[in-house]
C-alpha atoms as a PDB file:
ATOM      1  CA  MET A   1      14.879 -13.991 -28.765  1.00  0.00           C
ATOM      2  CA  ILE A   2      13.457 -10.655 -31.465  1.00  0.00           C
ATOM      3  CA  VAL A   3      14.446  -7.347 -31.369  1.00  0.00           C
ATOM      4  CA  VAL A   4      12.419  -4.859 -32.428  1.00  0.00           C
ATOM      5  CA  THR A   5      13.675  -1.356 -33.486  1.00  0.00           C
ATOM      6  CA  GLY A   6      10.938   1.296 -34.747  1.00  0.00           C
ATOM      7  CA  SER A   7      10.670   5.403 -35.198  1.00  0.00           C
ATOM      8  CA  VAL A   8       7.918   8.028 -36.101  1.00  0.00           C
ATOM      9  CA  THR A   9       9.437  11.947 -35.968  1.00  0.00           C
ATOM     10  CA  VAL A  10       6.187  13.907 -35.821  1.00  0.00           C
ATOM     11  CA  ARG A  11       4.812  17.416 -35.904  1.00  0.00           C
ATOM     12  CA  THR A  12       5.449  19.874 -33.364  1.00  0.00           C
ATOM     13  CA  GLU A  13       1.706  20.287 -32.177  1.00  0.00           C
ATOM     14  CA  THR A  14       1.307  16.646 -31.906  1.00  0.00           C
ATOM     15  CA  PHE A  15       4.737  15.378 -30.177  1.00  0.00           C
ATOM     16  CA  ASP A  16       2.616  15.454 -26.889  1.00  0.00           C
ATOM     17  CA  GLU A  17       0.049  13.555 -27.670  1.00  0.00           C
ATOM     18  CA  ALA A  18       2.462  10.901 -28.983  1.00  0.00           C
ATOM     19  CA  ARG A  19       4.852  11.183 -27.232  1.00  0.00           C
ATOM     20  CA  ARG A  20       1.305  10.160 -24.039  1.00  0.00           C
ATOM     21  CA  LEU A  21       0.316   7.284 -26.114  1.00  0.00           C
ATOM     22  CA  SER A  22       3.730   5.375 -26.548  1.00  0.00           C
ATOM     23  CA  LEU A  23       3.861   5.530 -23.550  1.00  0.00           C
ATOM     24  CA  GLU A  24       0.189   3.795 -22.408  1.00  0.00           C
ATOM     25  CA  HIS A  25       1.794   1.658 -25.438  1.00  0.00           C
ATOM     26  CA  VAL A  26       4.778   1.082 -23.566  1.00  0.00           C
ATOM     27  CA  HIS A  27       3.498   0.215 -20.512  1.00  0.00           C
ATOM     28  CA  ARG A  28       0.207  -2.051 -22.083  1.00  0.00           C
ATOM     29  CA  SER A  29       3.118  -4.131 -24.266  1.00  0.00           C
ATOM     30  CA  ARG A  30       5.529  -5.063 -21.034  1.00  0.00           C
ATOM     31  CA  GLN A  31       2.659  -6.668 -19.052  1.00  0.00           C
ATOM     32  CA  GLU A  32       1.872  -9.060 -22.578  1.00  0.00           C
ATOM     33  CA  PRO A  33       3.726 -12.745 -22.313  1.00  0.00           C
ATOM     34  CA  GLY A  34       6.867 -12.872 -24.060  1.00  0.00           C
ATOM     35  CA  CYS A  35       8.203  -9.409 -24.001  1.00  0.00           C
ATOM     36  CA  ILE A  36      11.399  -8.691 -22.034  1.00  0.00           C
ATOM     37  CA  SER A  37      11.127  -5.725 -22.690  1.00  0.00           C
ATOM     38  CA  HIS A  38       9.653  -2.189 -24.280  1.00  0.00           C
ATOM     39  CA  GLY A  39      11.113   0.681 -24.643  1.00  0.00           C
ATOM     40  CA  VAL A  40      10.621   5.007 -26.090  1.00  0.00           C
ATOM     41  CA  HIS A  41      13.008   7.363 -26.310  1.00  0.00           C
ATOM     42  CA  VAL A  42      13.391  10.909 -27.329  1.00  0.00           C
ATOM     43  CA  ASP A  43      16.003  11.137 -30.521  1.00  0.00           C
ATOM     44  CA  CYS A  44      18.665  13.760 -28.656  1.00  0.00           C
ATOM     45  CA  GLU A  45      19.432  14.966 -32.358  1.00  0.00           C
ATOM     46  CA  ASN A  46      15.994  15.058 -33.223  1.00  0.00           C
ATOM     47  CA  PRO A  47      13.733  15.780 -30.341  1.00  0.00           C
ATOM     48  CA  LEU A  48      10.437  15.046 -32.253  1.00  0.00           C
ATOM     49  CA  ARG A  49      11.311  12.102 -33.225  1.00  0.00           C
ATOM     50  CA  LEU A  50      10.645   8.988 -31.350  1.00  0.00           C
ATOM     51  CA  VAL A  51      12.526   6.090 -31.297  1.00  0.00           C
ATOM     52  CA  PHE A  52      11.090   2.941 -29.632  1.00  0.00           C
ATOM     53  CA  PHE A  53      13.222  -0.293 -28.600  1.00  0.00           C
ATOM     54  CA  GLU A  54      11.846  -3.468 -27.655  1.00  0.00           C
ATOM     55  CA  GLN A  55      12.655  -7.377 -26.535  1.00  0.00           C
ATOM     56  CA  TRP A  56      10.494  -9.931 -27.393  1.00  0.00           C
ATOM     57  CA  ALA A  57      10.903 -14.178 -26.103  1.00  0.00           C
ATOM     58  CA  ASP A  58      10.491 -15.672 -29.700  1.00  0.00           C
ATOM     59  CA  ARG A  59       7.941 -14.724 -32.677  1.00  0.00           C
ATOM     60  CA  ALA A  60       5.087 -16.120 -31.305  1.00  0.00           C
ATOM     61  CA  ALA A  61       4.713 -13.679 -28.371  1.00  0.00           C
ATOM     62  CA  LEU A  62       5.428 -10.763 -31.183  1.00  0.00           C
ATOM     63  CA  ALA A  63       2.364 -11.514 -33.666  1.00  0.00           C
ATOM     64  CA  ALA A  64       0.827 -11.968 -30.164  1.00  0.00           C
ATOM     65  CA  HIS A  65       1.230  -8.398 -29.809  1.00  0.00           C
ATOM     66  CA  PHE A  66       0.753  -6.915 -33.388  1.00  0.00           C
ATOM     67  CA  ALA A  67      -2.585  -9.049 -32.948  1.00  0.00           C
ATOM     68  CA  VAL A  68      -3.638  -7.298 -29.555  1.00  0.00           C
ATOM     69  CA  PRO A  69      -7.042  -4.764 -31.102  1.00  0.00           C
ATOM     70  CA  ALA A  70      -5.146  -1.731 -28.778  1.00  0.00           C
ATOM     71  CA  SER A  71      -1.444  -2.154 -30.641  1.00  0.00           C
ATOM     72  CA  GLY A  72      -3.260  -1.611 -33.921  1.00  0.00           C
ATOM     73  CA  GLU A  73      -4.376   1.452 -33.134  1.00  0.00           C
ATOM     74  CA  PHE A  74      -2.013   2.910 -31.196  1.00  0.00           C
ATOM     75  CA  VAL A  75      -0.258   2.305 -34.860  1.00  0.00           C
ATOM     76  CA  ARG A  76      -2.937   3.525 -36.608  1.00  0.00           C
ATOM     77  CA  THR A  77      -3.274   6.906 -34.127  1.00  0.00           C
ATOM     78  CA  LEU A  78       0.561   7.341 -33.813  1.00  0.00           C
ATOM     79  CA  ARG A  79       0.750   7.172 -38.127  1.00  0.00           C
ATOM     80  CA  SER A  80      -1.426   9.884 -38.131  1.00  0.00           C
ATOM     81  CA  LEU A  81       0.890  12.088 -36.283  1.00  0.00           C
ATOM     82  CA  ALA A  82       3.224  11.806 -38.199  1.00  0.00           C
ATOM     83  CA  THR A  83       5.148  13.445 -40.120  1.00  0.00           C
ATOM     84  CA  GLY A  84       6.081  10.735 -42.775  1.00  0.00           C
ATOM     85  CA  PRO A  85       6.527   7.049 -42.897  1.00  0.00           C
ATOM     86  CA  THR A  86       7.544   4.887 -39.715  1.00  0.00           C
ATOM     87  CA  THR A  87      10.156   2.515 -39.536  1.00  0.00           C
ATOM     88  CA  LEU A  88      10.217  -0.861 -37.987  1.00  0.00           C
ATOM     89  CA  ASP A  89      13.169  -3.711 -38.171  1.00  0.00           C
ATOM     90  CA  LEU A  90      12.518  -7.021 -36.777  1.00  0.00           C
ATOM     91  CA  TYR A  91      15.767  -8.845 -35.859  1.00  0.00           C
ATOM     92  CA  GLU A  92      16.813 -12.167 -34.591  1.00  0.00           C
ATOM     93  CA  ALA A  93      19.513 -12.032 -31.809  1.00  0.00           C
ATOM     94  CA  GLY A  94      20.664 -14.612 -29.294  1.00  0.00           C
ATOM     95  CA  ARG A  95      23.772 -14.204 -26.790  1.00  0.00           C
ATOM     96  CA  LEU A  96      27.249 -15.770 -27.965  1.00  0.00           C
ATOM     97  CA  GLU A  97      28.787 -15.513 -24.540  1.00  0.00           C
ATOM     98  CA  LYS A  98      28.100 -13.835 -20.885  1.00  0.00           C
ATOM     99  CA  LEU A  99      30.935 -11.115 -19.922  1.00  0.00           C
END
């Protein structure tokens, strides 16, 4: 499984649009093959920071997600609403054991 974390801090006047676009992106992404989970959350310590958490079945599913034109457009638009750089980190994960 591939875990993706990301974040963006947006300007006060762009927060509502960033939130709306993020939710549209999350809902669209959940329908893609290989998407296990995809969510966006507001940071409790910085209410202008949106945090993304995603789980994908494998690298191929994530690569297909990145290739979707709407995903690229979302990233470009979100960056235009941001106050600084966005973050994106990928991790390979597996279940060690079930508790």
